[in-house]
Protein backbone atom coordinates (compact mmCIF):
# COMPACT_ATOMS: atom_id res chain seq x y z
CA MET A 1 13.69 14.61 6.55
CA LEU A 2 13.20 13.48 10.31
CA TYR A 3 9.87 11.85 9.45
CA LEU A 4 12.14 9.85 7.27
CA LEU A 5 14.55 8.58 9.86
CA LYS A 6 12.24 8.11 11.77
CA THR A 7 10.63 5.19 9.33
CA LEU A 8 13.92 4.21 8.90
CA ALA A 9 14.87 3.62 12.30
CA THR A 10 11.54 2.04 13.44
CA THR A 11 11.96 -0.35 10.54
CA VAL A 12 15.07 -1.57 11.68
CA PHE A 13 13.88 -2.05 15.58
CA ALA A 14 11.44 -4.43 14.36
CA ILE A 15 12.87 -6.40 12.27
CA VAL A 16 15.45 -7.01 14.61
CA LEU A 17 12.92 -7.18 17.16
CA LEU A 18 11.11 -10.22 15.09
CA PHE A 19 14.60 -11.40 14.18
CA CYS A 20 14.79 -12.66 17.78
CA LEU A 21 11.07 -13.54 18.16
CA GLN A 22 10.75 -15.85 15.39
CA PRO A 23 11.77 -18.91 16.46
CA THR A 24 8.69 -19.36 18.47
CA MET A 25 6.41 -18.53 15.24
CA ALA A 26 8.30 -21.27 13.18
CA GLN A 27 9.52 -24.43 12.82
CA ASP A 28 12.77 -24.24 13.01
CA GLY A 29 14.19 -20.47 14.22
CA THR A 30 17.83 -21.95 15.03
CA MET A 31 20.64 -20.76 12.16
CA TYR A 32 22.26 -22.72 10.35
CA PRO A 33 25.78 -22.37 8.36
CA MET A 34 25.61 -22.75 5.14
CA GLU A 35 28.00 -22.38 1.95
CA ASN A 36 27.57 -18.88 0.02
CA PRO A 37 26.27 -19.81 -2.90
CA ALA A 38 27.42 -19.73 -6.53
CA GLU A 39 24.89 -17.21 -8.01
CA PRO A 40 26.83 -17.64 -11.67
CA ASN A 41 24.01 -14.46 -13.10
CA ALA A 42 24.80 -12.06 -10.11
CA ILE A 43 26.37 -8.91 -11.51
CA PRO A 44 28.83 -6.91 -9.68
CA LEU A 45 27.50 -3.18 -8.78
CA GLY A 46 31.24 -1.61 -8.92
CA THR A 47 29.87 0.37 -5.95
CA GLY A 48 32.58 -0.40 -3.76
CA GLY A 49 33.35 -1.88 0.03
CA VAL A 50 31.73 -1.78 3.18
CA GLU A 51 33.85 0.98 5.70
CA GLY A 52 34.96 -0.94 8.81
CA GLN A 53 34.29 -4.59 7.74
CA PRO A 54 36.87 -7.07 8.48
CA ALA A 55 34.83 -10.28 8.01
CA GLN A 56 33.96 -11.75 4.57
CA GLU A 57 30.75 -12.28 3.44
CA THR A 58 28.99 -15.38 5.29
CA TRP A 59 25.30 -16.99 4.65
CA PHE A 60 22.80 -18.98 7.08
CA ARG A 61 19.92 -20.54 6.08
CA GLN A 62 17.15 -20.06 9.11
CA TRP A 63 13.49 -20.96 9.05
CA GLY A 64 14.56 -23.05 5.57
CA ASP A 65 15.41 -19.68 4.28
CA PRO A 66 18.73 -18.78 2.72
CA MET A 67 20.33 -15.30 4.48
CA ALA A 68 23.62 -13.20 3.51
CA ARG A 69 24.80 -11.16 6.07
CA ASN A 70 28.63 -8.92 5.94
CA ILE A 71 27.93 -7.80 1.74
CA SER A 72 30.33 -5.81 1.11
CA THR A 73 29.75 -6.13 -2.61
CA ALA A 74 26.82 -5.22 -3.95
CA THR A 75 25.29 -7.22 -7.02
CA LEU A 76 22.38 -7.51 -9.45
CA THR A 77 20.57 -10.73 -10.08
CA PRO A 78 17.99 -10.69 -13.18
CA PHE A 79 15.34 -12.85 -13.53
CA PHE A 80 14.12 -12.50 -17.05
CA PRO A 81 10.41 -13.73 -18.46
CA ALA A 82 10.13 -16.77 -20.98
CA PRO A 83 10.56 -16.14 -24.26
CA GLY A 84 7.89 -14.62 -25.87
CA LYS A 85 6.30 -13.67 -22.36
CA ALA A 86 8.37 -10.51 -21.09
CA ASN A 87 6.02 -7.29 -21.74
CA GLY A 88 8.39 -4.57 -20.74
CA ALA A 89 8.00 -3.79 -17.37
CA THR A 90 11.33 -3.82 -14.81
CA VAL A 91 11.03 -4.14 -11.25
CA ILE A 92 13.81 -3.82 -8.61
CA VAL A 93 13.52 -6.02 -5.94
CA ALA A 94 15.18 -5.07 -2.79
CA PRO A 95 14.93 -8.22 0.14
CA GLY A 96 15.19 -7.12 3.71
CA GLY A 97 16.63 -7.59 6.90
CA GLY A 98 17.02 -5.12 9.11
CA PHE A 99 20.51 -3.88 7.26
CA ARG A 100 22.05 -7.00 9.18
CA TRP A 101 21.57 -9.20 6.46
CA LEU A 102 19.38 -9.65 3.57
CA SER A 103 16.77 -12.63 3.24
CA MET A 104 17.22 -13.49 -0.02
CA GLY A 105 15.90 -16.63 -0.79
CA ASN A 106 12.34 -15.16 0.86
CA GLU A 107 12.05 -11.96 0.04
CA GLY A 108 14.60 -11.88 -2.84
CA TRP A 109 14.79 -14.79 -5.33
CA GLU A 110 11.21 -16.54 -4.91
CA VAL A 111 9.73 -13.36 -5.45
CA ALA A 112 11.68 -12.55 -8.69
CA LYS A 113 10.92 -15.35 -9.92
CA ALA A 114 6.87 -15.00 -9.66
CA LEU A 115 7.20 -11.69 -11.45
CA ALA A 116 9.60 -13.28 -14.34
CA GLU A 117 6.39 -15.22 -14.31
CA GLN A 118 4.39 -12.74 -14.67
CA GLY A 119 6.07 -11.34 -17.71
CA ILE A 120 7.76 -8.84 -15.68
CA THR A 121 12.30 -8.67 -16.13
CA ALA A 122 13.13 -8.74 -12.49
CA PHE A 123 16.47 -8.06 -10.90
CA VAL A 124 17.22 -8.64 -7.16
CA LEU A 125 19.66 -6.10 -5.70
CA LYS A 126 21.87 -7.41 -2.73
CA TYR A 127 23.05 -4.23 -1.36
CA ARG A 128 25.66 -3.69 0.92
CA LEU A 129 25.07 -4.26 4.89
CA HIS A 130 25.97 -2.74 8.45
CA PRO A 131 29.03 -4.80 9.90
CA THR A 132 27.56 -7.70 11.88
CA PRO A 133 30.18 -9.96 14.14
CA GLU A 134 32.22 -12.57 11.95
CA SER A 135 31.22 -15.58 13.70
CA LEU A 136 27.55 -17.07 13.59
CA GLU A 137 27.58 -17.30 17.69
CA ASP A 138 28.64 -14.06 17.96
CA PHE A 139 26.45 -12.42 15.51
CA SER A 140 23.29 -14.77 17.38
CA ASP A 141 24.65 -13.51 20.48
CA SER A 142 24.54 -9.30 19.29
CA MET A 143 20.92 -9.92 17.76
CA ASN A 144 20.40 -11.31 21.38
CA ARG A 145 21.43 -8.48 23.30
CA THR A 146 19.71 -5.97 20.47
CA PHE A 147 16.52 -7.64 21.81
CA ASP A 148 16.65 -7.47 25.36
CA GLU A 149 17.00 -3.68 24.81
CA ALA A 150 14.44 -3.69 22.82
CA SER A 151 12.33 -5.30 24.89
CA LYS A 152 13.01 -2.64 27.75
CA SER A 153 12.05 -0.14 25.03
CA THR A 154 8.75 -1.29 24.49
CA ASN A 155 8.31 -1.01 28.83
CA ASP A 156 8.03 2.60 27.90
CA LYS A 157 4.15 3.29 27.65
CA GLU A 158 4.93 7.13 27.14
CA LYS A 159 5.80 6.53 23.36
CA ASP A 160 4.12 5.54 21.10
CA VAL A 161 6.98 3.67 18.63
CA PRO A 162 9.96 2.79 19.74
CA GLN A 163 12.98 4.69 18.18
CA ARG A 164 16.22 3.25 17.15
CA PRO A 165 20.02 4.82 16.56
CA ARG A 166 19.49 6.41 13.41
CA ARG A 167 21.59 4.41 10.48
CA ASN A 168 23.26 5.58 7.78
CA LEU A 169 22.24 4.17 4.09
CA SER A 170 25.05 5.86 1.74
CA ASP A 171 25.95 2.79 0.62
CA GLN A 172 22.21 1.35 0.27
CA LEU A 173 21.10 4.21 -1.88
CA GLU A 174 24.08 3.82 -4.30
CA ASP A 175 23.68 0.50 -4.84
CA ALA A 176 20.36 0.74 -5.74
CA GLU A 177 21.57 4.18 -7.59
CA ALA A 178 24.26 1.42 -9.48
CA ALA A 179 21.24 -1.15 -9.96
CA TYR A 180 19.00 1.31 -11.63
CA ALA A 181 21.46 3.07 -14.01
CA MET A 182 22.37 -0.63 -14.92
CA ILE A 183 19.46 -1.41 -15.96
CA VAL A 184 18.89 1.52 -18.19
CA GLU A 185 22.15 1.05 -19.69
CA ARG A 186 21.47 -2.55 -20.83
CA ALA A 187 17.94 -1.94 -21.73
CA GLU A 188 17.73 -2.71 -24.91
CA GLU A 189 19.66 -6.28 -24.33
CA TRP A 190 17.43 -7.06 -21.16
CA GLY A 191 14.06 -5.82 -23.25
CA VAL A 192 13.22 -3.47 -21.00
CA ASP A 193 10.88 -0.53 -21.21
CA THR A 194 13.01 2.22 -19.00
CA ASP A 195 9.36 3.97 -18.49
CA ARG A 196 8.13 1.78 -16.43
CA ILE A 197 11.05 0.60 -14.18
CA GLY A 198 9.81 0.05 -10.30
CA MET A 199 11.69 -0.93 -7.14
CA ILE A 200 9.69 -2.87 -4.20
CA GLY A 201 11.02 -3.86 -0.99
CA PHE A 202 10.43 -5.92 1.81
CA SER A 203 11.14 -4.61 5.54
CA ALA A 204 14.12 -2.85 5.30
CA GLY A 205 13.97 -3.18 1.65
CA ALA A 206 10.68 -1.51 2.23
CA GLY A 207 12.70 1.35 3.68
CA LEU A 208 15.76 1.39 0.86
CA THR A 209 12.65 2.09 -1.68
CA MET A 210 11.05 4.39 0.09
CA HIS A 211 14.40 5.95 0.51
CA CYS A 212 15.72 5.93 -3.35
CA THR A 213 11.82 7.26 -3.66
CA LEU A 214 12.84 10.09 -1.34
CA ARG A 215 16.35 11.17 -1.75
CA SER A 216 17.75 9.66 -5.12
CA GLU A 217 18.35 12.35 -7.99
CA THR A 218 19.43 9.94 -10.08
CA MET A 219 16.28 7.25 -10.10
CA ASP A 220 13.64 7.70 -12.33
CA LEU A 221 11.35 5.11 -11.05
CA ALA A 222 7.37 4.68 -12.29
CA PHE A 223 5.93 3.20 -9.27
CA ILE A 224 6.88 1.42 -5.94
CA GLY A 225 5.76 -1.79 -3.60
CA PRO A 226 6.88 -0.82 -0.02
CA VAL A 227 5.76 -4.18 1.49
CA TYR A 228 5.70 -4.38 5.30
CA GLY A 229 7.73 -1.34 5.94
CA GLY A 230 7.90 1.23 8.19
CA MET A 231 4.42 3.88 8.23
CA GLY A 232 5.08 6.74 9.60
CA GLU A 233 4.36 10.25 7.96
CA VAL A 234 7.14 11.27 4.94
CA ASP A 235 7.42 14.64 2.78
CA VAL A 236 6.57 13.51 -1.00
CA PRO A 237 8.44 15.26 -3.72
CA ALA A 238 5.93 16.24 -6.34
CA ASP A 239 7.16 14.17 -8.65
CA ALA A 240 6.97 11.00 -6.54
CA PRO A 241 5.75 7.78 -8.19
CA PRO A 242 2.62 5.68 -7.98
CA MET A 243 3.03 3.16 -4.82
CA PHE A 244 1.46 -0.04 -3.88
CA ASN A 245 1.77 -0.55 -0.19
CA ALA A 246 1.00 -3.70 1.55
CA ILE A 247 1.74 -4.88 5.97
CA ALA A 248 -0.56 -6.64 7.97
CA SER A 249 -2.26 -5.34 11.21
CA ASP A 250 -0.19 -8.14 13.72
CA ASP A 251 2.88 -6.17 12.44
CA PHE A 252 5.60 -5.14 14.51
CA LEU A 253 6.24 -2.07 11.97
CA PHE A 254 2.20 -1.41 11.81
CA HIS A 255 1.55 0.50 15.45
CA GLY A 256 -1.63 1.63 13.67
CA GLN A 257 -0.12 4.10 11.71
CA PHE A 258 -1.32 5.38 8.37
CA GLY A 259 1.00 8.27 8.01
CA VAL A 260 2.44 7.14 4.88
CA ILE A 261 -0.51 6.51 3.12
CA ARG A 262 -1.95 10.09 4.10
CA SER A 263 1.64 11.39 3.29
CA TRP A 264 0.80 10.17 -0.94
CA TYR A 265 -2.70 10.82 -0.72
CA GLU A 266 -2.44 14.34 0.61
CA ALA A 267 0.27 14.90 -2.53
CA GLY A 268 -2.34 14.18 -4.91
CA ILE A 269 -0.46 10.81 -5.98
CA PRO A 270 -2.04 7.56 -6.94
CA VAL A 271 -2.02 5.14 -3.85
CA GLU A 272 -3.07 1.55 -2.89
CA PHE A 273 -3.81 0.22 0.20
CA HIS A 274 -3.80 -3.02 1.94
CA LEU A 275 -4.31 -3.75 5.24
CA TYR A 276 -4.32 -7.21 5.82
CA GLN A 277 -5.83 -8.93 8.92
CA ASN A 278 -3.12 -10.91 9.56
CA GLY A 279 0.21 -12.39 7.86
CA GLY A 280 3.30 -10.89 10.96
CA HIS A 281 6.18 -9.76 9.92
CA GLY A 282 8.34 -11.29 7.28
CA PHE A 283 5.55 -13.49 4.69
CA GLY A 284 7.42 -12.85 1.91
CA LEU A 285 4.77 -14.37 -1.24
CA GLY A 286 2.92 -15.92 1.77
CA ASN A 287 2.75 -18.06 4.67
CA PRO A 288 0.06 -20.42 5.52
CA ASP A 289 -3.41 -19.62 6.10
CA ARG A 290 -2.93 -16.25 6.49
CA THR A 291 -4.93 -13.04 4.56
CA SER A 292 -1.71 -11.41 3.51
CA ASN A 293 -1.23 -14.70 1.14
CA ARG A 294 -2.92 -12.48 -1.79
CA TRP A 295 -1.21 -9.29 -1.72
CA PHE A 296 1.14 -10.73 -4.96
CA GLU A 297 -2.07 -11.02 -7.15
CA ALA A 298 -3.48 -7.48 -5.49
CA PHE A 299 -0.14 -5.85 -6.57
CA MET A 300 -0.04 -7.80 -10.02
CA HIS A 301 -4.09 -6.52 -10.33
CA TRP A 302 -2.96 -2.52 -9.46
CA LEU A 303 -0.16 -2.81 -12.61
CA ASP A 304 -2.18 -4.29 -15.01
CA VAL A 305 -5.22 -1.61 -14.38
CA ASN A 306 -2.26 0.83 -13.86
CA ASP A 307 -0.95 0.00 -17.22
CA PHE A 308 2.49 -0.91 -16.39
CA LEU A 309 1.91 -4.32 -17.90
CA LYS A 310 0.97 -2.50 -20.88
CA GLY A 311 3.88 -2.66 -24.05
CA ASP A 312 5.46 -3.98 -27.38
CA ASP A 313 5.25 -7.74 -27.10
CA ARG A 314 8.29 -9.32 -27.20
């Protein structure tokens, strides 16, 4: 449990750090307010609100991507394959954002669409978040303050990995469990093979994917795919699913660690690991001219070789 908490804390630290640094790495790091999208296909999960959250859900755009924050109502948005193409395999997609915002486009909708094109029924999980300031300006200022504090912690050379305060993920776990239960309940309607339901996540979403794997008593995931998540050691349950894991060596979260890979390996559970030369953090399906751009192809090949894509023709 201690290893898990350290891994999740490191994930939060790194994504916050990246959030403040990335303007120098992308075309435009300015946060622009945007209207909340309609999301007509989003299904409320009915898991309640967020304690101490006075602000309404708002969206902004950064680096061209739509992002949501102050989410108090969790939803599940399905992305179905074209008629006749579904193979029954299903993936819950958890976007990242340090549990303060969600990168809905880059790490949610775009990934789900790519999965659906491969015959996989995908569901984007918009999970509840920890409260942030109501105004976008105050939110930006709070992130800058967090960055200043994080920068000071990195100056301590005696610390191998900077640690941040632990976060309560009970809301997020409840949302993921409700999503899984809904998919199982409507499996026949949605063409889902309940023996082939997996979950992938990015950054904080990878942390949530790992948290579900280690802590949930109701989810029976067939496979998991944490992408650029925390790499610290964990206590692996005996019934843990096979894992696909990918990260870039120039990612804030890497730190030269292989703990989670070693944990799976020593537990005797199948694990596939891709350490890419470059790609940074938050690359989603890929950034221009980065070796990490091939991770999705590798993930699909891994699913295929492990028979997760095989099922009744639909």
